Amino acid sequence: MAKHYFTVTWDQLHRDAKALAWRLHSLGPWKGIVAITRGGLIPAAIIARELECRLIETVSVVTYDEENPGEPVVTKPPAAAGDGAGWLIVDDLVDSGATARLVRGLLPKAHLATVYAKEAGKPMADTFITEVSQDTWILFPWDTEPQFVAPLARRPA
């Protein structure tokens, strides 16, 4: 289990993905976007809209089983992106950097952008918006739902 948790709401994710698009705008134009599935799908859609990019490709990489990281495995390569020249790779988070390293190997000339970055993976991202500590697990809105939380005074010590 993670030491800390950081909950990201839909509104916050949307704002952060738009901020990432703002940074990426001056670096384009882009031939297309490669979304790393599944986490990169929603940020990629927001960024594609903001940059008016209509060509979207995916690379499917399986890494996590719940909160336990494993070795990343490509289950669907990004065939349309060639070597990545002129392409933008988008993911929600770069954590250890293992997934980013694998995808960079497939698309060595692409620009890799993430919404969030942890210290260990940060060198793999060309552009990111928010840094979080390595011992923090980010709870994305597609993995959570609102529910009642007891006041602090009622929680066990």
Protein backbone atom coordinates (compact mmCIF):
# COMPACT_ATOMS: atom_id res chain seq x y z
CA MET A 1 0.00 0.00 0.00
CA ALA A 2 1.10 3.55 -0.70
CA LYS A 3 2.16 5.86 2.09
CA HIS A 4 0.10 8.76 0.74
CA TYR A 5 -2.91 9.13 -1.55
CA PHE A 6 -3.69 12.05 -3.85
CA THR A 7 -7.26 12.19 -5.16
CA VAL A 8 -7.71 13.83 -8.54
CA THR A 9 -11.24 14.96 -9.44
CA TRP A 10 -12.63 15.16 -12.96
CA ASP A 11 -12.46 18.97 -12.80
CA GLN A 12 -8.85 18.95 -11.66
CA LEU A 13 -7.83 16.42 -14.31
CA HIS A 14 -9.51 18.52 -16.98
CA ARG A 15 -7.73 21.70 -15.81
CA ASP A 16 -4.37 19.93 -15.59
CA ALA A 17 -4.75 18.31 -19.04
CA LYS A 18 -5.65 21.72 -20.52
CA ALA A 19 -2.57 23.20 -18.84
CA LEU A 20 -0.50 20.45 -20.45
CA ALA A 21 -2.08 21.26 -23.83
CA TRP A 22 -1.16 24.91 -23.32
CA ARG A 23 2.50 23.93 -22.84
CA LEU A 24 2.45 21.59 -25.83
CA HIS A 25 0.75 24.01 -28.22
CA SER A 26 3.90 26.00 -29.03
CA LEU A 27 5.89 22.78 -29.57
CA GLY A 28 3.63 21.56 -32.39
CA PRO A 29 2.09 21.12 -34.80
CA TRP A 30 1.79 17.40 -34.15
CA LYS A 31 1.13 14.70 -36.76
CA GLY A 32 -0.95 12.86 -34.17
CA ILE A 33 -1.24 11.75 -30.59
CA VAL A 34 -0.42 8.33 -29.17
CA ALA A 35 -2.40 7.69 -25.98
CA ILE A 36 -0.91 5.17 -23.57
CA THR A 37 -3.86 3.07 -22.47
CA ARG A 38 -5.71 3.15 -20.34
CA GLY A 39 -4.65 6.10 -18.20
CA GLY A 40 -3.62 8.31 -21.10
CA LEU A 41 -6.91 8.02 -22.99
CA ILE A 42 -8.81 10.81 -21.25
CA PRO A 43 -5.90 13.30 -21.04
CA ALA A 44 -5.15 12.54 -24.72
CA ALA A 45 -8.77 13.30 -25.68
CA ILE A 46 -8.67 16.63 -23.85
CA ILE A 47 -5.30 17.54 -25.37
CA ALA A 48 -6.41 16.45 -28.86
CA ARG A 49 -9.41 18.74 -28.60
CA GLU A 50 -7.35 21.70 -27.41
CA LEU A 51 -4.69 21.22 -30.10
CA GLU A 52 -7.28 20.36 -32.77
CA CYS A 53 -5.49 17.10 -33.45
CA ARG A 54 -7.71 14.52 -35.16
CA LEU A 55 -5.28 11.62 -35.61
CA ILE A 56 -5.25 9.50 -32.46
CA GLU A 57 -3.33 6.24 -32.06
CA THR A 58 -2.98 4.07 -28.97
CA VAL A 59 -0.33 1.90 -27.43
CA SER A 60 -1.66 -0.57 -24.90
CA VAL A 61 0.70 -1.35 -22.05
CA VAL A 62 -0.17 -3.51 -19.05
CA THR A 63 1.91 -2.68 -15.96
CA TYR A 64 -0.13 -2.59 -12.75
CA ASP A 65 -2.16 -5.16 -10.88
CA GLU A 66 -4.02 -2.92 -8.41
CA GLU A 67 -1.19 -0.97 -6.68
CA ASN A 68 1.49 -3.56 -7.49
CA PRO A 69 3.75 -2.62 -10.38
CA GLY A 70 4.99 -5.37 -12.65
CA GLU A 71 7.05 -5.51 -15.82
CA PRO A 72 5.30 -3.55 -18.57
CA VAL A 73 4.06 -5.56 -21.54
CA VAL A 74 2.88 -4.09 -24.85
CA THR A 75 -0.44 -5.67 -25.81
CA LYS A 76 -1.10 -3.36 -28.80
CA PRO A 77 1.70 -1.43 -30.55
CA PRO A 78 1.21 2.07 -32.05
CA ALA A 79 1.58 1.02 -35.71
CA ALA A 80 0.43 4.31 -37.28
CA ALA A 81 3.08 6.41 -35.49
CA GLY A 82 6.15 4.91 -37.16
CA ASP A 83 9.26 5.97 -35.23
CA GLY A 84 7.32 8.76 -33.51
CA ALA A 85 8.72 11.71 -35.49
CA GLY A 86 6.22 14.55 -35.12
CA TRP A 87 4.02 12.55 -32.74
CA LEU A 88 2.99 13.34 -29.19
CA ILE A 89 2.76 10.52 -26.62
CA VAL A 90 0.31 11.24 -23.79
CA ASP A 91 -0.13 9.45 -20.47
CA ASP A 92 -1.76 10.37 -17.19
CA LEU A 93 1.33 9.66 -15.08
CA VAL A 94 4.97 8.71 -15.28
CA ASP A 95 5.72 6.73 -12.11
CA SER A 96 8.83 4.54 -12.14
CA GLY A 97 9.43 5.33 -15.81
CA ALA A 98 9.16 1.68 -16.90
CA THR A 99 6.15 2.20 -19.19
CA ALA A 100 7.59 5.43 -20.60
CA ARG A 101 10.93 3.71 -21.28
CA LEU A 102 9.16 0.88 -23.12
CA VAL A 103 7.05 3.25 -25.24
CA ARG A 104 10.05 5.49 -25.97
CA GLY A 105 11.78 2.38 -27.30
CA LEU A 106 8.89 1.94 -29.75
CA LEU A 107 8.68 5.65 -30.65
CA PRO A 108 12.16 7.10 -30.10
CA LYS A 109 11.49 10.36 -31.97
CA ALA A 110 8.19 11.22 -30.25
CA HIS A 111 7.61 13.83 -27.53
CA LEU A 112 6.35 12.25 -24.28
CA ALA A 113 4.00 14.33 -22.13
CA THR A 114 2.28 13.37 -18.89
CA VAL A 115 -0.12 15.20 -16.64
CA TYR A 116 1.57 13.98 -13.44
CA ALA A 117 5.14 12.87 -12.78
CA LYS A 118 6.90 11.14 -9.90
CA GLU A 119 10.59 11.66 -9.15
CA ALA A 120 11.79 8.29 -10.51
CA GLY A 121 9.99 8.68 -13.84
CA LYS A 122 10.31 12.43 -14.30
CA PRO A 123 13.45 12.20 -16.52
CA MET A 124 11.45 10.11 -19.03
CA ALA A 125 8.87 12.87 -19.64
CA ASP A 126 9.67 15.73 -22.00
CA THR A 127 6.77 17.75 -20.58
CA PHE A 128 4.59 17.36 -17.48
CA ILE A 129 2.40 19.57 -15.28
CA THR A 130 2.41 18.38 -11.66
CA GLU A 131 5.06 16.51 -9.69
CA VAL A 132 3.98 14.19 -6.87
CA SER A 133 6.14 12.30 -4.40
CA GLN A 134 7.23 8.77 -5.23
CA ASP A 135 5.39 7.34 -2.20
CA THR A 136 2.04 8.80 -3.30
CA TRP A 137 -0.61 6.78 -5.09
CA ILE A 138 -2.75 8.95 -7.35
CA LEU A 139 -6.46 8.11 -7.27
CA PHE A 140 -7.76 9.08 -10.69
CA PRO A 141 -11.45 9.89 -11.14
CA TRP A 142 -12.07 6.78 -13.27
CA ASP A 143 -10.86 4.62 -10.36
CA THR A 144 -12.91 6.25 -7.59
CA GLU A 145 -16.40 7.36 -6.69
CA PRO A 146 -17.64 9.87 -4.11
CA GLN A 147 -18.66 8.43 -0.78
CA PHE A 148 -19.22 9.49 2.81
CA VAL A 149 -16.13 9.91 5.00
CA ALA A 150 -16.54 10.16 8.76
CA PRO A 151 -15.27 13.34 10.46
CA LEU A 152 -11.78 13.10 11.94
CA ALA A 153 -13.19 13.16 15.47
CA ARG A 154 -15.06 9.89 14.77
CA ARG A 155 -12.16 7.99 13.22
CA PRO A 156 -10.04 5.57 15.22
CA ALA A 157 -6.71 6.97 16.36
